[in-house]
Protein backbone atom coordinates (compact mmCIF):
# COMPACT_ATOMS: atom_id res chain seq x y z
CA MET A 1 127.19 2.14 -107.36
CA THR A 2 130.54 3.81 -107.99
CA LEU A 3 133.62 4.15 -105.85
CA SER A 4 135.03 7.63 -105.31
CA THR A 5 138.73 8.38 -105.58
CA LEU A 6 138.93 8.20 -101.78
CA ASP A 7 137.23 4.77 -101.78
CA VAL A 8 139.58 3.43 -104.44
CA GLY A 9 142.55 4.78 -102.49
CA ILE A 10 141.44 3.03 -99.31
CA VAL A 11 140.98 -0.31 -101.10
CA LEU A 12 144.35 -0.13 -102.87
CA ALA A 13 146.08 0.89 -99.62
CA TYR A 14 144.53 -2.12 -97.86
CA LEU A 15 145.59 -4.54 -100.61
CA ALA A 16 149.18 -3.24 -100.57
CA ALA A 17 149.37 -3.27 -96.77
CA ILE A 18 147.98 -6.79 -96.33
CA PHE A 19 150.27 -8.17 -99.04
CA ILE A 20 153.36 -6.62 -97.47
CA LEU A 21 152.27 -7.78 -94.02
CA ALA A 22 151.77 -11.37 -95.24
CA GLN A 23 155.28 -11.52 -96.64
CA TRP A 24 156.80 -9.95 -93.51
CA VAL A 25 155.14 -12.22 -90.93
CA SER A 26 156.02 -15.36 -92.91
CA ARG A 27 159.70 -14.53 -93.43
CA GLU A 28 162.27 -16.99 -92.07
CA LYS A 29 165.31 -16.28 -89.97
CA ALA A 30 168.60 -15.84 -91.83
CA GLY A 31 170.02 -19.25 -92.77
CA HIS A 32 166.75 -21.18 -92.14
CA GLU A 33 165.21 -22.89 -95.12
CA LYS A 34 161.40 -23.07 -95.11
CA SER A 35 160.33 -26.63 -94.39
CA ALA A 36 157.06 -28.43 -95.22
CA GLN A 37 155.96 -27.97 -91.60
CA ASP A 38 156.74 -24.25 -91.80
CA TYR A 39 154.80 -23.87 -95.06
CA PHE A 40 151.78 -26.10 -94.45
CA LEU A 41 151.42 -25.90 -90.65
CA ALA A 42 152.99 -22.51 -89.81
CA SER A 43 155.77 -24.32 -87.89
CA ARG A 44 153.07 -25.63 -85.49
CA ALA A 45 153.42 -22.37 -83.59
CA LEU A 46 150.16 -20.48 -84.16
CA PRO A 47 148.89 -18.50 -81.12
CA TRP A 48 145.23 -18.61 -80.07
CA TRP A 49 144.26 -15.26 -81.57
CA ALA A 50 145.61 -16.25 -84.99
CA ILE A 51 143.78 -19.60 -84.84
CA GLY A 52 140.44 -18.05 -83.87
CA ALA A 53 140.62 -15.21 -86.39
CA SER A 54 141.78 -17.54 -89.17
CA LEU A 55 138.95 -19.97 -88.55
CA ILE A 56 136.47 -17.17 -89.18
CA ALA A 57 138.38 -15.69 -92.09
CA ALA A 58 138.50 -19.07 -93.82
CA ASN A 59 134.74 -19.46 -93.25
CA ILE A 60 133.33 -16.03 -94.12
CA SER A 61 133.41 -15.00 -97.74
CA ALA A 62 131.24 -13.50 -100.44
CA GLU A 63 128.72 -16.32 -100.39
CA GLN A 64 128.34 -15.86 -96.63
CA ILE A 65 128.03 -12.11 -96.61
CA ILE A 66 125.92 -11.68 -99.76
CA GLY A 67 124.05 -14.94 -99.43
CA MET A 68 123.15 -14.78 -95.72
CA SER A 69 122.17 -11.15 -96.01
CA GLY A 70 119.88 -12.17 -98.88
CA SER A 71 118.46 -14.95 -96.72
CA GLY A 72 117.91 -12.40 -93.98
CA TYR A 73 115.89 -10.35 -96.46
CA ALA A 74 113.81 -13.36 -97.58
CA ILE A 75 113.63 -15.57 -94.46
CA GLY A 76 114.72 -13.41 -91.54
CA LEU A 77 116.82 -14.10 -88.44
CA ALA A 78 116.16 -17.86 -88.63
CA ILE A 79 119.10 -18.13 -91.06
CA ALA A 80 121.35 -17.08 -88.15
CA SER A 81 121.09 -20.65 -86.81
CA TYR A 82 123.86 -21.56 -89.24
CA GLU A 83 126.15 -19.17 -87.36
CA TRP A 84 124.90 -19.66 -83.79
CA MET A 85 124.84 -23.46 -83.95
CA ALA A 86 128.37 -23.34 -85.36
CA ALA A 87 129.50 -21.61 -82.15
CA LEU A 88 128.33 -24.59 -80.13
CA THR A 89 129.90 -27.02 -82.60
CA LEU A 90 133.26 -25.31 -82.22
CA LEU A 91 133.19 -26.00 -78.45
CA ILE A 92 132.60 -29.72 -79.18
CA VAL A 93 135.49 -29.75 -81.66
CA GLY A 94 137.76 -28.09 -79.13
CA LYS A 95 136.96 -30.41 -76.24
CA TRP A 96 136.54 -33.79 -77.93
CA PHE A 97 138.19 -33.85 -81.39
CA LEU A 98 141.32 -31.69 -81.16
CA PRO A 99 142.87 -33.63 -78.22
CA ILE A 100 142.95 -36.77 -80.36
CA PHE A 101 144.19 -35.02 -83.53
CA LEU A 102 146.99 -33.16 -81.72
CA ARG A 103 147.98 -36.15 -79.54
CA ASN A 104 148.57 -38.16 -82.75
CA GLY A 105 150.42 -35.39 -84.66
CA ILE A 106 147.82 -35.25 -87.43
CA THR A 107 148.63 -32.85 -90.28
CA THR A 108 145.81 -33.67 -92.73
CA MET A 109 142.41 -35.31 -92.49
CA PRO A 110 143.37 -37.98 -95.08
CA GLN A 111 146.39 -38.81 -92.91
CA PHE A 112 144.08 -39.46 -89.97
CA LEU A 113 141.97 -41.80 -92.11
CA GLU A 114 145.02 -43.74 -93.24
CA GLU A 115 146.42 -44.14 -89.73
CA ARG A 116 143.03 -45.13 -88.36
CA TYR A 117 141.62 -47.28 -91.17
CA GLY A 118 144.02 -47.87 -94.06
CA ASN A 119 145.12 -46.58 -97.45
CA ARG A 120 141.96 -47.05 -99.55
CA ILE A 121 139.69 -44.74 -97.55
CA ARG A 122 142.50 -42.16 -97.34
CA THR A 123 142.91 -42.13 -101.12
CA LEU A 124 139.15 -41.98 -101.75
CA MET A 125 138.58 -39.08 -99.38
CA ALA A 126 141.73 -37.18 -100.43
CA VAL A 127 140.56 -37.25 -104.04
CA PHE A 128 137.07 -36.18 -102.93
CA TRP A 129 138.40 -33.22 -100.91
CA LEU A 130 140.68 -32.03 -103.70
CA GLY A 131 137.77 -32.09 -106.12
CA LEU A 132 135.50 -30.34 -103.60
CA TYR A 133 137.99 -27.57 -102.79
CA VAL A 134 138.91 -26.83 -106.40
CA PHE A 135 135.66 -27.34 -108.32
CA VAL A 136 133.14 -26.33 -105.62
CA ASN A 137 134.71 -24.11 -102.96
CA LEU A 138 137.30 -22.18 -104.96
CA THR A 139 135.03 -21.74 -107.96
CA SER A 140 132.02 -20.58 -105.90
CA ILE A 141 134.06 -18.04 -103.89
CA LEU A 142 135.67 -16.71 -107.06
CA TRP A 143 132.37 -16.53 -108.91
CA LEU A 144 130.31 -14.90 -106.15
CA GLY A 145 133.21 -12.71 -105.12
CA SER A 146 133.66 -11.47 -108.71
CA ILE A 147 129.94 -10.66 -108.91
CA ALA A 148 130.15 -8.59 -105.72
CA VAL A 149 133.33 -6.78 -106.81
CA SER A 150 132.02 -6.05 -110.29
CA GLN A 151 128.71 -4.67 -108.91
CA VAL A 152 130.39 -2.41 -106.38
CA ALA A 153 133.50 -1.34 -108.33
CA GLY A 154 131.85 -1.27 -111.74
CA ILE A 155 134.50 -3.42 -113.45
CA ASP A 156 134.07 -6.37 -115.80
CA GLN A 157 133.24 -9.56 -113.92
CA ASN A 158 135.84 -11.69 -115.77
CA LEU A 159 138.50 -9.15 -114.88
CA ALA A 160 137.35 -9.15 -111.24
CA LEU A 161 137.53 -12.95 -111.17
CA ILE A 162 141.10 -13.00 -112.51
CA LEU A 163 142.26 -10.22 -110.17
CA LEU A 164 140.82 -11.91 -107.11
CA GLY A 165 142.38 -15.25 -107.95
CA THR A 166 145.75 -13.75 -108.78
CA PHE A 167 145.96 -11.67 -105.62
CA ALA A 168 144.82 -14.49 -103.31
CA LEU A 169 147.49 -16.75 -104.86
CA ALA A 170 150.30 -14.18 -104.61
CA TYR A 171 149.29 -13.24 -101.08
CA GLN A 172 149.97 -16.73 -99.66
CA LEU A 173 152.33 -18.27 -102.27
CA TYR A 174 155.57 -17.52 -100.44
CA GLY A 175 154.55 -17.86 -96.79
CA GLY A 176 151.91 -20.59 -96.85
CA LEU A 177 149.66 -21.04 -93.83
CA LYS A 178 151.72 -18.67 -91.72
CA ALA A 179 151.10 -15.82 -94.19
CA VAL A 180 147.36 -16.56 -94.12
CA ALA A 181 146.83 -17.18 -90.41
CA LEU A 182 148.98 -14.41 -88.96
CA THR A 183 147.33 -11.74 -91.14
CA ASP A 184 143.77 -13.01 -90.65
CA ILE A 185 143.41 -11.04 -87.43
CA VAL A 186 143.68 -7.90 -89.60
CA GLN A 187 141.28 -9.35 -92.15
CA VAL A 188 138.69 -10.29 -89.52
CA SER A 189 139.04 -6.98 -87.67
CA LEU A 190 138.33 -5.17 -90.95
CA LEU A 191 135.42 -7.51 -91.70
CA VAL A 192 133.87 -6.95 -88.28
CA LEU A 193 134.39 -3.16 -88.44
CA GLY A 194 133.00 -2.88 -91.97
CA GLY A 195 130.06 -5.10 -91.16
CA LEU A 196 129.16 -3.18 -88.01
CA LEU A 197 129.30 0.08 -90.00
CA VAL A 198 126.80 -1.27 -92.54
CA THR A 199 124.53 -2.54 -89.76
CA GLY A 200 124.81 0.69 -87.77
CA ILE A 201 124.15 2.97 -90.75
CA THR A 202 121.17 0.90 -92.02
CA LEU A 203 119.57 0.73 -88.56
CA GLY A 204 120.33 4.42 -88.09
CA GLN A 205 118.39 5.18 -91.29
CA ILE A 206 115.35 3.36 -89.93
CA GLY A 207 115.68 4.91 -86.44
CA HIS A 208 116.33 8.47 -87.68
CA GLY A 209 119.87 8.50 -86.37
CA SER A 210 119.46 6.06 -83.45
CA VAL A 211 120.69 2.47 -83.95
CA ILE A 212 118.69 1.22 -80.94
CA ASP A 213 115.51 2.91 -82.14
CA GLY A 214 116.17 1.50 -85.58
CA PHE A 215 116.43 -2.04 -84.28
CA THR A 216 113.29 -1.62 -82.13
CA THR A 217 111.34 -0.20 -85.09
CA LEU A 218 112.52 -2.97 -87.36
CA TRP A 219 111.49 -5.66 -84.85
CA GLN A 220 108.06 -4.02 -84.38
CA GLN A 221 107.42 -3.58 -88.11
CA GLN A 222 108.71 -6.99 -89.21
CA PRO A 223 108.12 -9.37 -86.26
CA GLU A 224 107.93 -12.41 -88.57
CA LYS A 225 111.54 -11.76 -89.65
CA PHE A 226 112.72 -12.31 -86.05
CA GLU A 227 111.34 -15.82 -85.61
CA MET A 228 114.18 -18.32 -85.11
CA ILE A 229 112.05 -21.54 -85.38
CA LEU A 230 109.85 -21.59 -88.51
CA ASP A 231 106.37 -23.14 -88.54
CA GLN A 232 105.37 -25.67 -91.18
CA ASP A 233 103.20 -23.09 -92.92
CA ASN A 234 106.19 -20.79 -93.45
CA PRO A 235 107.14 -20.70 -97.17
CA PHE A 236 110.81 -21.26 -96.19
CA TYR A 237 110.16 -24.22 -93.87
CA LYS A 238 111.84 -26.60 -96.35
CA ASP A 239 115.07 -24.60 -96.04
CA LEU A 240 114.95 -24.41 -92.21
CA PRO A 241 112.57 -27.15 -91.00
CA GLY A 242 111.56 -26.00 -87.53
CA LEU A 243 113.12 -27.87 -84.58
CA SER A 244 115.14 -30.03 -86.99
CA VAL A 245 117.48 -27.04 -87.19
CA LEU A 246 118.30 -27.49 -83.50
CA LEU A 247 118.01 -31.26 -83.22
CA GLY A 248 118.68 -32.73 -86.68
CA GLY A 249 120.75 -32.40 -89.81
CA MET A 250 122.40 -29.07 -89.08
CA TRP A 251 124.50 -30.83 -86.43
CA ILE A 252 125.82 -33.19 -89.08
CA ALA A 253 126.66 -30.35 -91.49
CA ASN A 254 128.38 -28.37 -88.74
CA LEU A 255 130.39 -31.31 -87.35
CA SER A 256 131.62 -32.11 -90.85
CA TYR A 257 132.52 -28.51 -91.66
CA TRP A 258 134.15 -27.44 -88.37
CA GLY A 259 135.56 -30.75 -87.20
CA PHE A 260 136.72 -32.71 -90.24
CA ASN A 261 137.29 -30.14 -92.97
CA GLN A 262 140.96 -29.64 -93.86
CA TYR A 263 140.93 -25.91 -94.64
CA ILE A 264 139.13 -25.21 -91.35
CA ILE A 265 140.77 -27.64 -88.92
CA GLN A 266 144.27 -27.01 -90.34
CA ARG A 267 144.51 -23.84 -88.28
CA ALA A 268 143.97 -25.72 -85.03
CA LEU A 269 146.35 -28.49 -86.09
CA ALA A 270 149.02 -25.81 -86.41
CA ALA A 271 148.64 -24.67 -82.78
CA LYS A 272 151.53 -24.51 -80.32
CA ASP A 273 149.67 -26.96 -78.05
CA ILE A 274 146.20 -28.18 -77.17
CA ARG A 275 145.49 -25.34 -74.74
CA GLU A 276 146.33 -22.72 -77.39
CA ALA A 277 144.14 -24.55 -79.94
CA GLN A 278 141.22 -24.64 -77.50
CA LYS A 279 141.55 -20.93 -76.69
CA GLY A 280 141.51 -20.20 -80.42
CA VAL A 281 138.39 -22.28 -80.94
CA VAL A 282 136.54 -20.43 -78.13
CA PHE A 283 137.58 -17.09 -79.62
CA ALA A 284 136.12 -18.24 -82.95
CA ALA A 285 132.90 -19.31 -81.18
CA PHE A 286 132.41 -15.82 -79.79
CA LEU A 287 133.03 -14.32 -83.25
CA LYS A 288 130.39 -16.64 -84.69
CA LEU A 289 127.84 -15.30 -82.20
CA LEU A 290 128.54 -11.84 -83.63
CA MET A 291 128.32 -12.76 -87.30
CA PRO A 292 124.48 -12.50 -87.72
CA VAL A 293 124.68 -8.87 -86.56
CA ILE A 294 127.07 -8.24 -89.45
CA VAL A 295 125.62 -10.39 -92.24
CA VAL A 296 121.90 -10.99 -91.39
CA LEU A 297 120.64 -7.72 -89.86
CA PRO A 298 121.48 -5.60 -92.94
CA GLY A 299 119.31 -7.96 -95.00
CA ILE A 300 116.39 -7.64 -92.60
CA ALA A 301 116.83 -3.84 -92.58
CA ALA A 302 116.63 -3.88 -96.38
CA VAL A 303 113.06 -5.17 -96.06
CA VAL A 304 112.11 -1.72 -94.73
CA LEU A 305 114.60 0.40 -96.65
CA ALA A 306 114.33 -1.36 -100.04
CA PRO A 307 111.14 -3.47 -100.02
CA GLN A 308 110.90 -3.89 -103.81
CA LEU A 309 114.17 -5.72 -104.52
CA GLU A 310 113.95 -8.18 -107.40
CA ARG A 311 116.44 -10.60 -105.84
CA PRO A 312 117.16 -11.12 -102.13
CA ASP A 313 120.89 -11.38 -102.84
CA ALA A 314 120.83 -7.72 -103.87
CA ALA A 315 120.10 -6.72 -100.26
CA TYR A 316 123.69 -6.24 -99.06
CA PRO A 317 124.95 -4.34 -102.16
CA THR A 318 121.84 -2.15 -101.93
CA MET A 319 122.55 -1.32 -98.29
CA MET A 320 126.13 -0.47 -99.21
CA ARG A 321 124.75 2.32 -101.42
CA LEU A 322 123.70 4.11 -98.26
CA LEU A 323 127.34 4.46 -97.13
CA PRO A 324 129.13 7.77 -97.52
CA SER A 325 132.39 8.03 -99.43
CA GLY A 326 135.31 6.74 -97.41
CA VAL A 327 133.10 4.43 -95.36
CA LEU A 328 132.09 2.69 -98.60
CA GLY A 329 135.78 2.16 -99.43
CA LEU A 330 136.37 0.66 -95.97
CA VAL A 331 133.38 -1.71 -96.24
CA PHE A 332 134.35 -2.68 -99.78
CA ALA A 333 137.86 -3.41 -98.54
CA ALA A 334 136.30 -5.60 -95.82
CA LEU A 335 134.35 -7.50 -98.48
CA VAL A 336 137.53 -8.03 -100.51
CA ALA A 337 139.31 -9.07 -97.32
CA ALA A 338 136.71 -11.81 -96.71
CA ILE A 339 137.01 -13.09 -100.29
CA VAL A 340 140.82 -13.08 -100.36
CA ALA A 341 141.26 -14.68 -96.91
CA SER A 342 138.83 -17.48 -97.73
CA LEU A 343 140.41 -18.11 -101.14
CA ALA A 344 143.91 -18.16 -99.68
CA SER A 345 142.86 -20.68 -97.01
CA LYS A 346 141.43 -23.10 -99.55
CA ILE A 347 144.39 -22.71 -101.94
CA ASN A 348 146.77 -23.58 -99.12
CA SER A 349 144.72 -26.60 -98.09
CA VAL A 350 144.64 -27.96 -101.65
CA ALA A 351 148.41 -27.62 -101.74
CA THR A 352 148.71 -29.30 -98.32
CA ILE A 353 146.58 -32.36 -99.19
CA PHE A 354 148.17 -32.91 -102.61
CA THR A 355 151.75 -32.46 -101.39
CA LEU A 356 151.59 -34.41 -98.11
CA ASP A 357 148.97 -37.04 -98.99
CA PHE A 358 150.01 -37.78 -102.58
CA TYR A 359 153.40 -36.39 -103.64
CA ALA A 360 155.29 -37.04 -100.39
CA LYS A 361 154.11 -40.65 -100.40
CA ARG A 362 155.28 -41.12 -103.99
CA ASP A 363 158.64 -39.46 -103.48
CA ARG A 364 159.64 -40.39 -99.95
CA GLU A 365 163.17 -39.01 -100.47
CA ALA A 366 161.94 -35.54 -101.46
CA SER A 367 163.70 -32.70 -99.63
CA GLN A 368 161.81 -30.16 -97.55
CA ALA A 369 162.53 -27.51 -100.16
CA LYS A 370 161.13 -29.72 -102.94
CA LEU A 371 157.91 -30.36 -100.91
CA VAL A 372 157.46 -26.60 -100.44
CA ARG A 373 158.05 -26.04 -104.17
CA VAL A 374 155.49 -28.72 -105.09
CA GLY A 375 153.02 -27.03 -102.73
CA ARG A 376 153.49 -23.69 -104.46
CA ILE A 377 153.08 -25.20 -107.92
CA THR A 378 149.93 -27.04 -106.76
CA ALA A 379 148.51 -23.78 -105.39
CA ALA A 380 149.08 -22.02 -108.70
CA VAL A 381 147.51 -24.87 -110.72
CA ALA A 382 144.49 -25.03 -108.37
CA ILE A 383 143.63 -21.34 -108.71
CA LEU A 384 144.21 -21.44 -112.49
CA VAL A 385 141.77 -24.36 -112.84
CA ALA A 386 139.24 -22.63 -110.58
CA VAL A 387 139.43 -19.39 -112.60
CA LEU A 388 138.91 -21.27 -115.87
CA THR A 389 135.99 -23.40 -114.61
CA ALA A 390 134.11 -20.89 -112.40
CA ARG A 391 131.82 -19.57 -115.13
CA PRO A 392 131.07 -22.93 -116.78
CA LEU A 393 130.24 -24.53 -113.44
CA LEU A 394 128.32 -21.73 -111.73
CA GLY A 395 127.15 -19.45 -114.53
CA GLY A 396 123.81 -21.26 -114.78
CA PHE A 397 123.03 -21.34 -111.05
CA ASP A 398 120.77 -18.72 -109.52
CA GLN A 399 122.38 -19.26 -106.10
CA GLY A 400 126.00 -20.29 -105.68
CA PHE A 401 125.27 -21.37 -102.11
CA GLN A 402 122.75 -23.88 -103.44
CA TYR A 403 125.48 -25.32 -105.66
CA ILE A 404 127.74 -25.90 -102.64
CA GLN A 405 125.01 -27.42 -100.49
CA GLU A 406 123.72 -29.78 -103.16
CA PHE A 407 127.17 -31.20 -103.84
CA THR A 408 128.51 -31.51 -100.30
CA GLY A 409 125.20 -32.68 -98.81
CA PHE A 410 125.51 -36.03 -100.60
CA PHE A 411 128.79 -36.82 -98.79
CA THR A 412 128.53 -34.99 -95.45
CA PRO A 413 126.65 -37.70 -93.49
CA GLY A 414 129.17 -40.37 -94.47
CA ILE A 415 132.13 -38.16 -93.54
CA VAL A 416 130.73 -37.57 -90.07
CA VAL A 417 130.09 -41.28 -89.55
CA ILE A 418 133.61 -42.22 -90.65
CA PHE A 419 135.30 -39.73 -88.34
CA LEU A 420 133.07 -40.17 -85.29
CA LEU A 421 133.48 -43.93 -85.37
CA GLY A 422 137.19 -43.55 -86.06
CA LEU A 423 137.64 -41.28 -83.09
CA PHE A 424 135.48 -43.04 -80.51
CA TRP A 425 134.85 -46.71 -81.54
CA LYS A 426 137.86 -48.97 -81.82
CA ARG A 427 135.90 -51.73 -83.59
CA ALA A 428 135.30 -49.48 -86.61
CA ASN A 429 137.20 -50.68 -89.68
CA GLU A 430 137.98 -49.68 -93.27
CA ALA A 431 135.22 -51.85 -94.76
CA GLY A 432 132.62 -50.05 -92.61
CA ALA A 433 134.15 -46.67 -93.47
CA LEU A 434 134.00 -47.38 -97.21
CA ALA A 435 130.39 -48.59 -96.85
CA ALA A 436 129.50 -45.31 -95.08
CA ALA A 437 131.20 -43.18 -97.71
CA ILE A 438 129.60 -44.92 -100.71
CA GLY A 439 126.30 -45.48 -98.90
CA SER A 440 126.02 -41.80 -97.97
CA PHE A 441 126.12 -40.77 -101.65
CA LEU A 442 123.75 -43.48 -102.86
CA LEU A 443 121.24 -43.03 -100.03
CA SER A 444 121.22 -39.27 -100.51
CA LEU A 445 120.61 -39.67 -104.22
CA VAL A 446 117.78 -42.16 -103.69
CA LEU A 447 116.07 -40.01 -101.05
CA LYS A 448 116.37 -36.86 -103.19
CA LEU A 449 114.74 -38.60 -106.16
CA ALA A 450 112.15 -40.64 -104.24
CA TRP A 451 111.21 -38.03 -101.61
CA PRO A 452 111.77 -34.58 -103.16
CA SER A 453 109.56 -32.88 -100.55
CA LEU A 454 111.84 -33.94 -97.68
CA PRO A 455 113.72 -30.86 -96.39
CA PHE A 456 117.42 -30.92 -97.26
CA MET A 457 118.42 -30.72 -93.59
CA ASP A 458 116.15 -33.63 -92.60
CA ARG A 459 117.60 -35.69 -95.47
CA ILE A 460 121.12 -35.16 -94.12
CA GLY A 461 120.04 -36.30 -90.66
CA LEU A 462 118.24 -39.39 -91.97
CA VAL A 463 121.13 -40.39 -94.24
CA PHE A 464 123.54 -39.97 -91.31
CA LEU A 465 121.53 -42.47 -89.21
CA LEU A 466 121.31 -44.95 -92.09
CA ALA A 467 125.03 -44.64 -92.90
CA LEU A 468 125.84 -45.09 -89.22
CA VAL A 469 123.86 -48.35 -89.07
CA LEU A 470 125.51 -49.48 -92.32
CA ALA A 471 129.04 -48.73 -91.09
CA VAL A 472 128.51 -50.44 -87.73
CA GLY A 473 126.85 -53.49 -89.35
CA VAL A 474 129.63 -53.93 -91.94
CA ALA A 475 132.33 -53.42 -89.29
CA LEU A 476 130.84 -56.11 -87.04
CA ALA A 477 130.48 -58.53 -89.97
CA THR A 478 134.08 -58.11 -91.15
CA ARG A 479 137.58 -58.21 -89.74
CA SER A 480 138.72 -55.51 -87.32
CA THR A 481 141.37 -53.04 -88.43
CA GLY A 482 143.96 -54.56 -86.11
CA ASP A 483 147.53 -53.29 -86.39
CA ARG A 484 146.57 -50.80 -89.10
CA ASP A 485 144.92 -48.65 -86.45
CA ARG A 486 147.79 -46.40 -85.33
CA ILE A 487 145.61 -43.72 -83.65
CA ARG A 488 146.20 -43.59 -79.88
CA THR A 489 143.24 -42.58 -77.73
CA ASP A 490 143.98 -44.50 -74.53
CA ASP A 491 146.19 -41.73 -73.09
CA VAL A 492 144.23 -38.73 -74.43
CA SER A 493 143.03 -36.28 -71.80
CA TYR A 494 139.74 -34.45 -72.42
CA THR A 495 140.21 -32.22 -69.38
CA THR A 496 139.99 -28.54 -70.34
CA ALA A 497 141.36 -25.44 -68.67
CA PRO A 498 139.04 -23.41 -66.37
CA SER A 499 139.17 -20.52 -68.85
CA PHE A 500 137.86 -22.80 -71.61
CA ASN A 501 135.08 -24.08 -69.37
CA VAL A 502 134.00 -20.57 -68.27
CA ALA A 503 134.10 -19.27 -71.84
CA SER A 504 132.10 -22.30 -73.07
CA LEU A 505 129.42 -21.72 -70.45
CA ALA A 506 129.26 -18.07 -71.52
CA VAL A 507 128.71 -19.10 -75.16
CA VAL A 508 125.97 -21.56 -74.14
CA ALA A 509 124.29 -18.93 -71.94
CA ILE A 510 124.28 -16.40 -74.74
CA LEU A 511 122.82 -18.94 -77.16
CA LEU A 512 120.04 -19.84 -74.71
CA ALA A 513 119.24 -16.17 -74.24
CA LEU A 514 119.14 -15.52 -77.99
CA TYR A 515 116.84 -18.45 -78.77
CA ALA A 516 114.61 -17.62 -75.77
CA THR A 517 114.28 -14.03 -76.98
CA PHE A 518 113.67 -14.75 -80.66
CA TRP A 519 111.85 -18.10 -80.46
């Protein structure tokens, strides 16, 4: 695949425009010095549309687009449960979690842990998240993004990796979260437009010019690819174990990712108020409903249009070859937009956690300007480390997504236990939280070695239940947190606006219709 002069021009114009826009929207008024709150939380003034778009932009990247399209090719529509279940999870986060976080002025997830439990669990989890974001998330996005860019643009992968990292750093270095969040509406709009073009053109190829006929033909020719709940005899049952997808471990993974993950929840913490945050979350939920159309359907279409692919992950790049000049440039720009937006989000969150949860506690007299400067230096160091370690860490993995899941899956159940108990059970204490965190890793390791046939998602659900029992048992057997618990929940209101309730019902109705149709 090669880009024409027109395609290259479109991509370069996009990169220049989004960079200029990021600097412009994050500028400060004359005489105002950028503070830590300005840099890390966008002055706590984000509107709902920026929150919703930024949640999706932080989430969708190369591993999502390429990986889920490849899963669509191999497994089918069942992989869409990751997206559609996330929409429901976002509603739970908006109604039950955000009111507590915003009422208590939370800026980072480690801060919540310290104010709820104490310093030891905060330090443990802050170190864990920094390691996760730098050595797992940043490296995987850079690695998979560089593969996609090198395949489409025909440039050396190492050069692509360096260029992506450098641009993502420069894009958000001056403005921080405000630069990222206020431009993500452009990034997501381009992502949706580009994705719909790929889906429309591939289905049009199958339907001889008609997208609707193409979808109908695809469904008739490949009915097994449109089954949402896999039977035990399905070769991919271990990846998506039937009803466990709806009732088991996927809930744990989604609650951890969308509710307690710094680079995701940071957008909602930067909202003007709780109502704005909740509107943004609902907007993101509707966008999640749309994502399978963009990232899964092209993979299923490739089963008909390119049935002899050697690797499922080649499905999306192969479908891009069907695009005419100009459209290819737009879609490639959308792919770059997804990579850059996701990278920038994680870079900013690394800087936020290190600066606010480590440096600011060490140097309590540090000026606002110094905190911002430390954040920028941290961002630069994080992306440099990720660029240098991406190939050594991921070069031997066939699937980058597998690398992410294997690492995070050992800790996810414990994280959910710690936060759920911290939010809704006042007797929970630091000893129980530490037991859940350590127990989650050890129990996951034991089950993986002793019961290798257990589906990954079922293992997460089982470890969650065991870690929950462990945390509750240890908490009841030890002293309560007492005065160290500074999180107020007694005056938190969980009442939501009528617009949030109506939109939530609409999301639930659409989900019920989708699962009823493709059961």
